[in-house]
PDB file of N, CA and C in Angstrom:
ATOM      1  N   MET A   1       0.829  -1.204   0.000  1.00  0.00           N
ATOM      2  CA  MET A   1       0.000   0.000   0.000  1.00  0.00           C
ATOM      3  C   MET A   1       0.865   1.257   0.000  1.00  0.00           C
ATOM      4  N   ARG A   2       1.925   1.259   0.809  1.00  0.00           N
ATOM      5  CA  ARG A   2       2.820   2.415   0.859  1.00  0.00           C
ATOM      6  C   ARG A   2       3.502   2.647  -0.477  1.00  0.00           C
ATOM      7  N   ILE A   3       3.836   1.576  -1.172  1.00  0.00           N
ATOM      8  CA  ILE A   3       4.494   1.703  -2.471  1.00  0.00           C
ATOM      9  C   ILE A   3       3.540   2.353  -3.476  1.00  0.00           C
ATOM     10  N   VAL A   4       2.275   1.942  -3.465  1.00  0.00           N
ATOM     11  CA  VAL A   4       1.287   2.519  -4.372  1.00  0.00           C
ATOM     12  C   VAL A   4       1.087   3.997  -4.063  1.00  0.00           C
ATOM     13  N   LEU A   5       0.978   4.322  -2.783  1.00  0.00           N
ATOM     14  CA  LEU A   5       0.803   5.712  -2.369  1.00  0.00           C
ATOM     15  C   LEU A   5       2.015   6.558  -2.749  1.00  0.00           C
ATOM     16  N   ALA A   6       3.205   6.035  -2.522  1.00  0.00           N
ATOM     17  CA  ALA A   6       4.431   6.756  -2.864  1.00  0.00           C
ATOM     18  C   ALA A   6       4.559   6.941  -4.374  1.00  0.00           C
ATOM     19  N   THR A   7       4.201   5.931  -5.133  1.00  0.00           N
ATOM     20  CA  THR A   7       4.267   6.019  -6.588  1.00  0.00           C
ATOM     21  C   THR A   7       3.262   7.043  -7.108  1.00  0.00           C
ATOM     22  N   THR A   8       2.045   7.012  -6.578  1.00  0.00           N
ATOM     23  CA  THR A   8       1.018   7.976  -6.986  1.00  0.00           C
ATOM     24  C   THR A   8       1.446   9.397  -6.659  1.00  0.00           C
ATOM     25  N   LEU A   9       1.964   9.604  -5.472  1.00  0.00           N
ATOM     26  CA  LEU A   9       2.432  10.927  -5.064  1.00  0.00           C
ATOM     27  C   LEU A   9       3.580  11.394  -5.961  1.00  0.00           C
ATOM     28  N   ALA A  10       4.491  10.532  -6.284  1.00  0.00           N
ATOM     29  CA  ALA A  10       5.617  10.886  -7.154  1.00  0.00           C
ATOM     30  C   ALA A  10       5.126  11.269  -8.549  1.00  0.00           C
ATOM     31  N   LEU A  11       4.142  10.532  -9.062  1.00  0.00           N
ATOM     32  CA  LEU A  11       3.597  10.856 -10.385  1.00  0.00           C
ATOM     33  C   LEU A  11       2.882  12.198 -10.376  1.00  0.00           C
ATOM     34  N   LEU A  12       2.130  12.486  -9.329  1.00  0.00           N
ATOM     35  CA  LEU A  12       1.430  13.765  -9.236  1.00  0.00           C
ATOM     36  C   LEU A  12       2.405  14.934  -9.167  1.00  0.00           C
ATOM     37  N   LEU A  13       3.462  14.769  -8.409  1.00  0.00           N
ATOM     38  CA  LEU A  13       4.451  15.837  -8.270  1.00  0.00           C
ATOM     39  C   LEU A  13       5.261  16.023  -9.549  1.00  0.00           C
ATOM     40  N   ALA A  14       5.431  14.972 -10.332  1.00  0.00           N
ATOM     41  CA  ALA A  14       6.220  15.058 -11.560  1.00  0.00           C
ATOM     42  C   ALA A  14       5.404  15.587 -12.731  1.00  0.00           C
ATOM     43  N   THR A  15       4.081  15.558 -12.632  1.00  0.00           N
ATOM     44  CA  THR A  15       3.222  16.031 -13.714  1.00  0.00           C
ATOM     45  C   THR A  15       3.157  17.547 -13.690  1.00  0.00           C
ATOM     46  N   PRO A  16       3.454  18.212 -14.812  1.00  0.00           N
ATOM     47  CA  PRO A  16       3.386  19.669 -14.826  1.00  0.00           C
ATOM     48  C   PRO A  16       1.952  20.151 -14.622  1.00  0.00           C
ATOM     49  N   TYR A  17       1.795  21.255 -13.909  1.00  0.00           N
ATOM     50  CA  TYR A  17       0.490  21.845 -13.664  1.00  0.00           C
ATOM     51  C   TYR A  17      -0.026  22.445 -14.951  1.00  0.00           C
ATOM     52  N   SER A  18      -1.246  22.100 -15.317  1.00  0.00           N
ATOM     53  CA  SER A  18      -1.792  22.601 -16.575  1.00  0.00           C
ATOM     54  C   SER A  18      -3.040  23.456 -16.344  1.00  0.00           C
ATOM     55  N   GLY A  19      -3.146  24.050 -15.164  1.00  0.00           N
ATOM     56  CA  GLY A  19      -4.299  24.885 -14.844  1.00  0.00           C
ATOM     57  C   GLY A  19      -4.187  26.254 -15.483  1.00  0.00           C
ATOM     58  N   ALA A  20      -5.136  27.100 -15.156  1.00  0.00           N
ATOM     59  CA  ALA A  20      -5.174  28.449 -15.718  1.00  0.00           C
ATOM     60  C   ALA A  20      -3.989  29.268 -15.220  1.00  0.00           C
ATOM     61  N   ALA A  21      -3.541  30.169 -16.068  1.00  0.00           N
ATOM     62  CA  ALA A  21      -2.434  31.049 -15.725  1.00  0.00           C
ATOM     63  C   ALA A  21      -2.601  32.360 -16.461  1.00  0.00           C
ATOM     64  N   PHE A  22      -2.013  33.407 -15.919  1.00  0.00           N
ATOM     65  CA  PHE A  22      -2.040  34.697 -16.598  1.00  0.00           C
ATOM     66  C   PHE A  22      -1.029  34.691 -17.718  1.00  0.00           C
ATOM     67  N   ILE A  23      -1.479  35.051 -18.911  1.00  0.00           N
ATOM     68  CA  ILE A  23      -0.600  35.139 -20.075  1.00  0.00           C
ATOM     69  C   ILE A  23      -0.797  36.531 -20.645  1.00  0.00           C
ATOM     70  N   GLY A  24       0.204  37.366 -20.583  1.00  0.00           N
ATOM     71  CA  GLY A  24       0.068  38.722 -21.097  1.00  0.00           C
ATOM     72  C   GLY A  24       1.129  39.633 -20.539  1.00  0.00           C
ATOM     73  N   PRO A  25       1.010  40.902 -20.848  1.00  0.00           N
ATOM     74  CA  PRO A  25       2.041  41.858 -20.443  1.00  0.00           C
ATOM     75  C   PRO A  25       1.991  42.176 -18.960  1.00  0.00           C
ATOM     76  N   THR A  26       3.115  42.614 -18.449  1.00  0.00           N
ATOM     77  CA  THR A  26       3.192  43.071 -17.073  1.00  0.00           C
ATOM     78  C   THR A  26       2.985  44.567 -17.057  1.00  0.00           C
ATOM     79  N   GLU A  27       2.080  45.004 -16.211  1.00  0.00           N
ATOM     80  CA  GLU A  27       1.799  46.424 -16.099  1.00  0.00           C
ATOM     81  C   GLU A  27       2.572  46.987 -14.916  1.00  0.00           C
ATOM     82  N   SER A  28       2.938  48.243 -15.048  1.00  0.00           N
ATOM     83  CA  SER A  28       3.579  48.906 -13.922  1.00  0.00           C
ATOM     84  C   SER A  28       3.111  50.348 -13.880  1.00  0.00           C
ATOM     85  N   GLY A  29       2.898  50.842 -12.682  1.00  0.00           N
ATOM     86  CA  GLY A  29       2.541  52.244 -12.523  1.00  0.00           C
ATOM     87  C   GLY A  29       1.117  52.560 -12.897  1.00  0.00           C
ATOM     88  N   ASP A  30       0.801  53.847 -12.837  1.00  0.00           N
ATOM     89  CA  ASP A  30      -0.525  54.332 -13.165  1.00  0.00           C
ATOM     90  C   ASP A  30      -0.664  54.514 -14.667  1.00  0.00           C
ATOM     91  N   SER A  31      -1.880  54.828 -15.082  1.00  0.00           N
ATOM     92  CA  SER A  31      -2.116  55.107 -16.493  1.00  0.00           C
ATOM     93  C   SER A  31      -1.348  56.348 -16.921  1.00  0.00           C
ATOM     94  N   GLY A  32      -0.821  56.317 -18.134  1.00  0.00           N
ATOM     95  CA  GLY A  32      -0.086  57.449 -18.673  1.00  0.00           C
ATOM     96  C   GLY A  32      -0.930  58.201 -19.680  1.00  0.00           C
ATOM     97  N   THR A  33      -0.263  59.003 -20.493  1.00  0.00           N
ATOM     98  CA  THR A  33      -0.948  59.787 -21.517  1.00  0.00           C
ATOM     99  C   THR A  33      -0.239  59.629 -22.854  1.00  0.00           C
ATOM    100  N   VAL A  34      -0.943  59.981 -23.915  1.00  0.00           N
ATOM    101  CA  VAL A  34      -0.354  59.954 -25.255  1.00  0.00           C
ATOM    102  C   VAL A  34       0.863  60.870 -25.299  1.00  0.00           C
ATOM    103  N   ALA A  35       0.784  62.034 -24.670  1.00  0.00           N
ATOM    104  CA  ALA A  35       1.909  62.977 -24.669  1.00  0.00           C
ATOM    105  C   ALA A  35       3.159  62.364 -24.046  1.00  0.00           C
ATOM    106  N   GLU A  36       2.990  61.526 -23.041  1.00  0.00           N
ATOM    107  CA  GLU A  36       4.140  60.907 -22.371  1.00  0.00           C
ATOM    108  C   GLU A  36       4.783  59.802 -23.203  1.00  0.00           C
ATOM    109  N   VAL A  37       4.055  59.236 -24.157  1.00  0.00           N
ATOM    110  CA  VAL A  37       4.585  58.144 -24.980  1.00  0.00           C
ATOM    111  C   VAL A  37       5.805  58.602 -25.785  1.00  0.00           C
ATOM    112  N   ALA A  38       5.860  59.861 -26.167  1.00  0.00           N
ATOM    113  CA  ALA A  38       6.995  60.381 -26.940  1.00  0.00           C
ATOM    114  C   ALA A  38       8.311  60.239 -26.184  1.00  0.00           C
ATOM    115  N   GLU A  39       8.248  60.252 -24.850  1.00  0.00           N
ATOM    116  CA  GLU A  39       9.447  60.162 -24.019  1.00  0.00           C
ATOM    117  C   GLU A  39       9.640  58.774 -23.407  1.00  0.00           C
ATOM    118  N   THR A  40       8.734  57.863 -23.686  1.00  0.00           N
ATOM    119  CA  THR A  40       8.788  56.527 -23.105  1.00  0.00           C
ATOM    120  C   THR A  40       9.684  55.633 -23.949  1.00  0.00           C
ATOM    121  N   PRO A  41      10.609  54.899 -23.323  1.00  0.00           N
ATOM    122  CA  PRO A  41      11.503  54.025 -24.089  1.00  0.00           C
ATOM    123  C   PRO A  41      10.741  52.954 -24.872  1.00  0.00           C
ATOM    124  N   LEU A  42      11.237  52.622 -26.048  1.00  0.00           N
ATOM    125  CA  LEU A  42      10.647  51.550 -26.848  1.00  0.00           C
ATOM    126  C   LEU A  42      10.649  50.261 -26.039  1.00  0.00           C
ATOM    127  N   GLY A  43       9.600  49.475 -26.206  1.00  0.00           N
ATOM    128  CA  GLY A  43       9.496  48.211 -25.489  1.00  0.00           C
ATOM    129  C   GLY A  43       8.820  48.320 -24.133  1.00  0.00           C
ATOM    130  N   THR A  44       8.541  49.534 -23.687  1.00  0.00           N
ATOM    131  CA  THR A  44       7.886  49.749 -22.404  1.00  0.00           C
ATOM    132  C   THR A  44       6.391  49.519 -22.553  1.00  0.00           C
ATOM    133  N   TYR A  45       5.782  48.902 -21.543  1.00  0.00           N
ATOM    134  CA  TYR A  45       4.337  48.735 -21.522  1.00  0.00           C
ATOM    135  C   TYR A  45       3.707  49.925 -20.832  1.00  0.00           C
ATOM    136  N   VAL A  46       2.633  50.433 -21.422  1.00  0.00           N
ATOM    137  CA  VAL A  46       1.924  51.585 -20.875  1.00  0.00           C
ATOM    138  C   VAL A  46       0.438  51.271 -20.809  1.00  0.00           C
ATOM    139  N   ARG A  47      -0.250  52.026 -19.946  1.00  0.00           N
ATOM    140  CA  ARG A  47      -1.709  51.962 -19.868  1.00  0.00           C
ATOM    141  C   ARG A  47      -2.242  53.358 -20.128  1.00  0.00           C
ATOM    142  N   LEU A  48      -3.182  53.471 -21.067  1.00  0.00           N
ATOM    143  CA  LEU A  48      -3.757  54.761 -21.420  1.00  0.00           C
ATOM    144  C   LEU A  48      -5.278  54.653 -21.435  1.00  0.00           C
ATOM    145  N   VAL A  49      -5.942  55.730 -21.036  1.00  0.00           N
ATOM    146  CA  VAL A  49      -7.401  55.785 -21.068  1.00  0.00           C
ATOM    147  C   VAL A  49      -7.811  56.803 -22.115  1.00  0.00           C
ATOM    148  N   GLY A  50      -8.689  56.394 -23.026  1.00  0.00           N
ATOM    149  CA  GLY A  50      -9.158  57.274 -24.087  1.00  0.00           C
ATOM    150  C   GLY A  50     -10.143  56.545 -24.967  1.00  0.00           C
ATOM    151  N   SER A  51     -10.127  56.870 -26.266  1.00  0.00           N
ATOM    152  CA  SER A  51     -11.057  56.225 -27.190  1.00  0.00           C
ATOM    153  C   SER A  51     -10.430  56.090 -28.568  1.00  0.00           C
ATOM    154  N   LEU A  52     -10.984  55.178 -29.348  1.00  0.00           N
ATOM    155  CA  LEU A  52     -10.556  55.024 -30.736  1.00  0.00           C
ATOM    156  C   LEU A  52     -11.364  56.001 -31.562  1.00  0.00           C
ATOM    157  N   GLU A  53     -10.676  56.855 -32.335  1.00  0.00           N
ATOM    158  CA  GLU A  53     -11.425  57.837 -33.112  1.00  0.00           C
ATOM    159  C   GLU A  53     -11.556  57.474 -34.575  1.00  0.00           C
ATOM    160  N   ALA A  54     -10.697  56.575 -35.082  1.00  0.00           N
ATOM    161  CA  ALA A  54     -10.804  56.211 -36.502  1.00  0.00           C
ATOM    162  C   ALA A  54     -10.057  54.918 -36.795  1.00  0.00           C
ATOM    163  N   HIS A  55     -10.545  54.195 -37.804  1.00  0.00           N
ATOM    164  CA  HIS A  55      -9.845  53.038 -38.349  1.00  0.00           C
ATOM    165  C   HIS A  55      -8.963  53.543 -39.476  1.00  0.00           C
ATOM    166  N   LEU A  56      -7.665  53.275 -39.419  1.00  0.00           N
ATOM    167  CA  LEU A  56      -6.739  53.774 -40.434  1.00  0.00           C
ATOM    168  C   LEU A  56      -6.572  52.792 -41.588  1.00  0.00           C
ATOM    169  N   ARG A  57      -6.213  51.569 -41.263  1.00  0.00           N
ATOM    170  CA  ARG A  57      -6.055  50.498 -42.260  1.00  0.00           C
ATOM    171  C   ARG A  57      -5.762  49.205 -41.510  1.00  0.00           C
ATOM    172  N   GLU A  58      -6.110  48.107 -42.100  1.00  0.00           N
ATOM    173  CA  GLU A  58      -5.851  46.782 -41.527  1.00  0.00           C
ATOM    174  C   GLU A  58      -6.101  46.780 -40.020  1.00  0.00           C
ATOM    175  N   ASP A  59      -5.053  46.539 -39.211  1.00  0.00           N
ATOM    176  CA  ASP A  59      -5.188  46.468 -37.750  1.00  0.00           C
ATOM    177  C   ASP A  59      -4.835  47.789 -37.062  1.00  0.00           C
ATOM    178  N   TYR A  60      -4.753  48.881 -37.811  1.00  0.00           N
ATOM    179  CA  TYR A  60      -4.311  50.163 -37.253  1.00  0.00           C
ATOM    180  C   TYR A  60      -5.476  51.133 -37.063  1.00  0.00           C
ATOM    181  N   TYR A  61      -5.438  51.823 -35.916  1.00  0.00           N
ATOM    182  CA  TYR A  61      -6.490  52.758 -35.521  1.00  0.00           C
ATOM    183  C   TYR A  61      -5.843  54.011 -34.950  1.00  0.00           C
ATOM    184  N   ARG A  62      -6.615  55.058 -34.811  1.00  0.00           N
ATOM    185  CA  ARG A  62      -6.161  56.285 -34.162  1.00  0.00           C
ATOM    186  C   ARG A  62      -6.794  56.315 -32.775  1.00  0.00           C
ATOM    187  N   PHE A  63      -5.942  56.369 -31.736  1.00  0.00           N
ATOM    188  CA  PHE A  63      -6.375  56.418 -30.342  1.00  0.00           C
ATOM    189  C   PHE A  63      -6.179  57.836 -29.820  1.00  0.00           C
ATOM    190  N   ARG A  64      -7.145  58.349 -29.082  1.00  0.00           N
ATOM    191  CA  ARG A  64      -7.057  59.709 -28.542  1.00  0.00           C
ATOM    192  C   ARG A  64      -7.346  59.697 -27.051  1.00  0.00           C
ATOM    193  N   ASP A  65      -6.534  60.496 -26.331  1.00  0.00           N
ATOM    194  CA  ASP A  65      -6.832  60.785 -24.930  1.00  0.00           C
ATOM    195  C   ASP A  65      -6.856  62.296 -24.768  1.00  0.00           C
ATOM    196  N   ARG A  66      -6.866  62.779 -23.546  1.00  0.00           N
ATOM    197  CA  ARG A  66      -6.992  64.225 -23.307  1.00  0.00           C
ATOM    198  C   ARG A  66      -5.768  65.015 -23.751  1.00  0.00           C
ATOM    199  N   THR A  67      -4.632  64.325 -24.050  1.00  0.00           N
ATOM    200  CA  THR A  67      -3.397  65.032 -24.410  1.00  0.00           C
ATOM    201  C   THR A  67      -3.033  64.945 -25.882  1.00  0.00           C
ATOM    202  N   GLY A  68      -3.740  64.129 -26.645  1.00  0.00           N
ATOM    203  CA  GLY A  68      -3.417  63.996 -28.063  1.00  0.00           C
ATOM    204  C   GLY A  68      -3.836  62.655 -28.621  1.00  0.00           C
ATOM    205  N   SER A  69      -3.281  62.329 -29.791  1.00  0.00           N
ATOM    206  CA  SER A  69      -3.633  61.060 -30.430  1.00  0.00           C
ATOM    207  C   SER A  69      -2.382  60.342 -30.914  1.00  0.00           C
ATOM    208  N   ILE A  70      -2.518  59.034 -31.116  1.00  0.00           N
ATOM    209  CA  ILE A  70      -1.414  58.195 -31.566  1.00  0.00           C
ATOM    210  C   ILE A  70      -1.984  57.005 -32.324  1.00  0.00           C
ATOM    211  N   ARG A  71      -1.201  56.493 -33.250  1.00  0.00           N
ATOM    212  CA  ARG A  71      -1.586  55.298 -33.994  1.00  0.00           C
ATOM    213  C   ARG A  71      -1.410  54.085 -33.084  1.00  0.00           C
ATOM    214  N   VAL A  72      -2.371  53.163 -33.131  1.00  0.00           N
ATOM    215  CA  VAL A  72      -2.293  51.933 -32.357  1.00  0.00           C
ATOM    216  C   VAL A  72      -2.560  50.747 -33.269  1.00  0.00           C
ATOM    217  N   GLU A  73      -1.964  49.628 -32.944  1.00  0.00           N
ATOM    218  CA  GLU A  73      -2.226  48.380 -33.655  1.00  0.00           C
ATOM    219  C   GLU A  73      -3.007  47.470 -32.720  1.00  0.00           C
ATOM    220  N   ILE A  74      -4.166  47.015 -33.190  1.00  0.00           N
ATOM    221  CA  ILE A  74      -4.984  46.089 -32.405  1.00  0.00           C
ATOM    222  C   ILE A  74      -5.251  44.868 -33.273  1.00  0.00           C
ATOM    223  N   GLU A  75      -4.652  43.752 -32.919  1.00  0.00           N
ATOM    224  CA  GLU A  75      -4.818  42.527 -33.690  1.00  0.00           C
ATOM    225  C   GLU A  75      -6.195  41.912 -33.403  1.00  0.00           C
ATOM    226  N   PRO A  76      -6.724  41.118 -34.326  1.00  0.00           N
ATOM    227  CA  PRO A  76      -8.079  40.585 -34.192  1.00  0.00           C
ATOM    228  C   PRO A  76      -8.368  39.856 -32.878  1.00  0.00           C
ATOM    229  N   ASP A  77      -7.411  39.097 -32.352  1.00  0.00           N
ATOM    230  CA  ASP A  77      -7.686  38.348 -31.123  1.00  0.00           C
ATOM    231  C   ASP A  77      -7.865  39.251 -29.898  1.00  0.00           C
ATOM    232  N   VAL A  78      -7.368  40.470 -29.945  1.00  0.00           N
ATOM    233  CA  VAL A  78      -7.517  41.405 -28.825  1.00  0.00           C
ATOM    234  C   VAL A  78      -8.955  41.912 -28.721  1.00  0.00           C
ATOM    235  N   TRP A  79      -9.657  41.982 -29.847  1.00  0.00           N
ATOM    236  CA  TRP A  79     -11.029  42.505 -29.853  1.00  0.00           C
ATOM    237  C   TRP A  79     -11.984  41.639 -29.051  1.00  0.00           C
ATOM    238  N   GLN A  80     -11.794  40.330 -29.054  1.00  0.00           N
ATOM    239  CA  GLN A  80     -12.645  39.381 -28.327  1.00  0.00           C
ATOM    240  C   GLN A  80     -14.132  39.597 -28.617  1.00  0.00           C
ATOM    241  N   GLY A  81     -14.463  39.929 -29.862  1.00  0.00           N
ATOM    242  CA  GLY A  81     -15.843  40.072 -30.272  1.00  0.00           C
ATOM    243  C   GLY A  81     -16.556  41.322 -29.784  1.00  0.00           C
ATOM    244  N   ARG A  82     -15.825  42.268 -29.199  1.00  0.00           N
ATOM    245  CA  ARG A  82     -16.453  43.481 -28.668  1.00  0.00           C
ATOM    246  C   ARG A  82     -16.598  44.540 -29.751  1.00  0.00           C
ATOM    247  N   ASP A  83     -17.705  45.279 -29.711  1.00  0.00           N
ATOM    248  CA  ASP A  83     -17.932  46.414 -30.597  1.00  0.00           C
ATOM    249  C   ASP A  83     -17.581  47.694 -29.852  1.00  0.00           C
ATOM    250  N   ILE A  84     -16.746  48.520 -30.462  1.00  0.00           N
ATOM    251  CA  ILE A  84     -16.279  49.762 -29.857  1.00  0.00           C
ATOM    252  C   ILE A  84     -16.610  50.912 -30.796  1.00  0.00           C
ATOM    253  N   THR A  85     -17.116  52.012 -30.255  1.00  0.00           N
ATOM    254  CA  THR A  85     -17.395  53.207 -31.048  1.00  0.00           C
ATOM    255  C   THR A  85     -16.480  54.330 -30.576  1.00  0.00           C
ATOM    256  N   PRO A  86     -16.420  55.442 -31.301  1.00  0.00           N
ATOM    257  CA  PRO A  86     -15.610  56.576 -30.840  1.00  0.00           C
ATOM    258  C   PRO A  86     -16.082  57.143 -29.492  1.00  0.00           C
ATOM    259  N   ASN A  87     -17.292  56.817 -29.077  1.00  0.00           N
ATOM    260  CA  ASN A  87     -17.805  57.287 -27.785  1.00  0.00           C
ATOM    261  C   ASN A  87     -17.488  56.343 -26.634  1.00  0.00           C
ATOM    262  N   THR A  88     -16.925  55.179 -26.936  1.00  0.00           N
ATOM    263  CA  THR A  88     -16.594  54.192 -25.914  1.00  0.00           C
ATOM    264  C   THR A  88     -15.247  54.533 -25.289  1.00  0.00           C
ATOM    265  N   VAL A  89     -15.210  54.716 -23.991  1.00  0.00           N
ATOM    266  CA  VAL A  89     -13.953  54.969 -23.287  1.00  0.00           C
ATOM    267  C   VAL A  89     -13.341  53.617 -22.932  1.00  0.00           C
ATOM    268  N   ILE A  90     -12.068  53.447 -23.314  1.00  0.00           N
ATOM    269  CA  ILE A  90     -11.360  52.200 -23.041  1.00  0.00           C
ATOM    270  C   ILE A  90     -10.027  52.492 -22.363  1.00  0.00           C
ATOM    271  N   GLU A  91      -9.530  51.497 -21.657  1.00  0.00           N
ATOM    272  CA  GLU A  91      -8.172  51.556 -21.120  1.00  0.00           C
ATOM    273  C   GLU A  91      -7.371  50.497 -21.854  1.00  0.00           C
ATOM    274  N   ILE A  92      -6.323  50.925 -22.546  1.00  0.00           N
ATOM    275  CA  ILE A  92      -5.494  49.993 -23.296  1.00  0.00           C
ATOM    276  C   ILE A  92      -4.209  49.704 -22.527  1.00  0.00           C
ATOM    277  N   THR A  93      -3.725  48.495 -22.683  1.00  0.00           N
ATOM    278  CA  THR A  93      -2.398  48.114 -22.225  1.00  0.00           C
ATOM    279  C   THR A  93      -1.628  47.810 -23.494  1.00  0.00           C
ATOM    280  N   ALA A  94      -0.527  48.535 -23.705  1.00  0.00           N
ATOM    281  CA  ALA A  94       0.160  48.446 -24.983  1.00  0.00           C
ATOM    282  C   ALA A  94       1.668  48.588 -24.812  1.00  0.00           C
ATOM    283  N   GLU A  95       2.382  48.089 -25.798  1.00  0.00           N
ATOM    284  CA  GLU A  95       3.839  48.222 -25.849  1.00  0.00           C
ATOM    285  C   GLU A  95       4.188  49.366 -26.791  1.00  0.00           C
ATOM    286  N   VAL A  96       5.102  50.223 -26.353  1.00  0.00           N
ATOM    287  CA  VAL A  96       5.563  51.335 -27.192  1.00  0.00           C
ATOM    288  C   VAL A  96       6.485  50.755 -28.257  1.00  0.00           C
ATOM    289  N   ASP A  97       6.181  51.060 -29.511  1.00  0.00           N
ATOM    290  CA  ASP A  97       6.958  50.525 -30.628  1.00  0.00           C
ATOM    291  C   ASP A  97       7.189  51.645 -31.642  1.00  0.00           C
ATOM    292  N   ARG A  98       7.992  51.358 -32.657  1.00  0.00           N
ATOM    293  CA  ARG A  98       8.281  52.357 -33.682  1.00  0.00           C
ATOM    294  C   ARG A  98       8.379  51.669 -35.035  1.00  0.00           C
ATOM    295  N   SER A  99       7.881  52.360 -36.059  1.00  0.00           N
ATOM    296  CA  SER A  99       7.994  51.879 -37.434  1.00  0.00           C
ATOM    297  C   SER A  99       8.495  53.049 -38.282  1.00  0.00           C
ATOM    298  N   LEU A 100       8.504  52.878 -39.579  1.00  0.00           N
ATOM    299  CA  LEU A 100       8.927  53.962 -40.461  1.00  0.00           C
ATOM    300  C   LEU A 100       8.012  55.181 -40.353  1.00  0.00           C
ATOM    301  N   GLN A 101       6.761  54.946 -39.975  1.00  0.00           N
ATOM    302  CA  GLN A 101       5.800  56.046 -39.822  1.00  0.00           C
ATOM    303  C   GLN A 101       5.874  56.706 -38.441  1.00  0.00           C
ATOM    304  N   GLY A 102       6.782  56.268 -37.591  1.00  0.00           N
ATOM    305  CA  GLY A 102       6.931  56.851 -36.260  1.00  0.00           C
ATOM    306  C   GLY A 102       6.445  55.931 -35.151  1.00  0.00           C
ATOM    307  N   ARG A 103       6.349  56.497 -33.964  1.00  0.00           N
ATOM    308  CA  ARG A 103       5.926  55.720 -32.798  1.00  0.00           C
ATOM    309  C   ARG A 103       4.469  55.316 -32.906  1.00  0.00           C
ATOM    310  N   TYR A 104       4.200  54.153 -32.351  1.00  0.00           N
ATOM    311  CA  TYR A 104       2.824  53.676 -32.253  1.00  0.00           C
ATOM    312  C   TYR A 104       2.735  52.762 -31.044  1.00  0.00           C
ATOM    313  N   LEU A 105       1.529  52.380 -30.677  1.00  0.00           N
ATOM    314  CA  LEU A 105       1.308  51.478 -29.559  1.00  0.00           C
ATOM    315  C   LEU A 105       0.764  50.158 -30.070  1.00  0.00           C
ATOM    316  N   TRP A 106       1.394  49.075 -29.658  1.00  0.00           N
ATOM    317  CA  TRP A 106       0.951  47.738 -30.023  1.00  0.00           C
ATOM    318  C   TRP A 106       0.079  47.253 -28.882  1.00  0.00           C
ATOM    319  N   VAL A 107      -1.229  47.308 -29.058  1.00  0.00           N
ATOM    320  CA  VAL A 107      -2.185  47.012 -27.990  1.00  0.00           C
ATOM    321  C   VAL A 107      -2.220  45.511 -27.711  1.00  0.00           C
ATOM    322  N   LYS A 108      -1.988  45.163 -26.446  1.00  0.00           N
ATOM    323  CA  LYS A 108      -2.019  43.774 -26.015  1.00  0.00           C
ATOM    324  C   LYS A 108      -3.377  43.405 -25.441  1.00  0.00           C
ATOM    325  N   SER A 109      -4.052  44.403 -24.817  1.00  0.00           N
ATOM    326  CA  SER A 109      -5.384  44.170 -24.270  1.00  0.00           C
ATOM    327  C   SER A 109      -6.055  45.506 -24.038  1.00  0.00           C
ATOM    328  N   PHE A 110      -7.376  45.477 -23.906  1.00  0.00           N
ATOM    329  CA  PHE A 110      -8.106  46.668 -23.513  1.00  0.00           C
ATOM    330  C   PHE A 110      -9.356  46.275 -22.755  1.00  0.00           C
ATOM    331  N   VAL A 111      -9.820  47.193 -21.905  1.00  0.00           N
ATOM    332  CA  VAL A 111     -11.068  47.009 -21.176  1.00  0.00           C
ATOM    333  C   VAL A 111     -11.921  48.240 -21.397  1.00  0.00           C
ATOM    334  N   VAL A 112     -13.227  48.039 -21.446  1.00  0.00           N
ATOM    335  CA  VAL A 112     -14.157  49.147 -21.561  1.00  0.00           C
ATOM    336  C   VAL A 112     -14.300  49.778 -20.186  1.00  0.00           C
ATOM    337  N   VAL A 113     -14.127  51.115 -20.124  1.00  0.00           N
ATOM    338  CA  VAL A 113     -14.160  51.824 -18.852  1.00  0.00           C
ATOM    339  C   VAL A 113     -15.575  52.264 -18.502  1.00  0.00           C
ATOM    340  N   ASP A 114     -16.346  52.734 -19.496  1.00  0.00           N
ATOM    341  CA  ASP A 114     -17.694  53.224 -19.165  1.00  0.00           C
ATOM    342  C   ASP A 114     -18.768  52.226 -19.475  1.00  0.00           C
TER     343      ASP A 114
END
């Protein structure tokens, strides 16, 4: 009996845990502003509160907060089937990135604030 119990316990401890886990960016600090993104190092994660004002092309949109606007990339899986209008206030979590067209935010997730 002890051998069976010891073997079962050893198998349970050796099996990797496959439960739920957080997968996504690490946030730090309070929400920032579009104006502050110009001084934020590339690769930094930021949180901004504002709204999407226009669809630019493909996965790119124009995001606006009280300090200005910036281009953002939102991939299809981030939408999670939600409908957003220019009147919807959202909080985005995004990575500061740069392309030939300048700085933009690569949105990893967003939540509706209102």
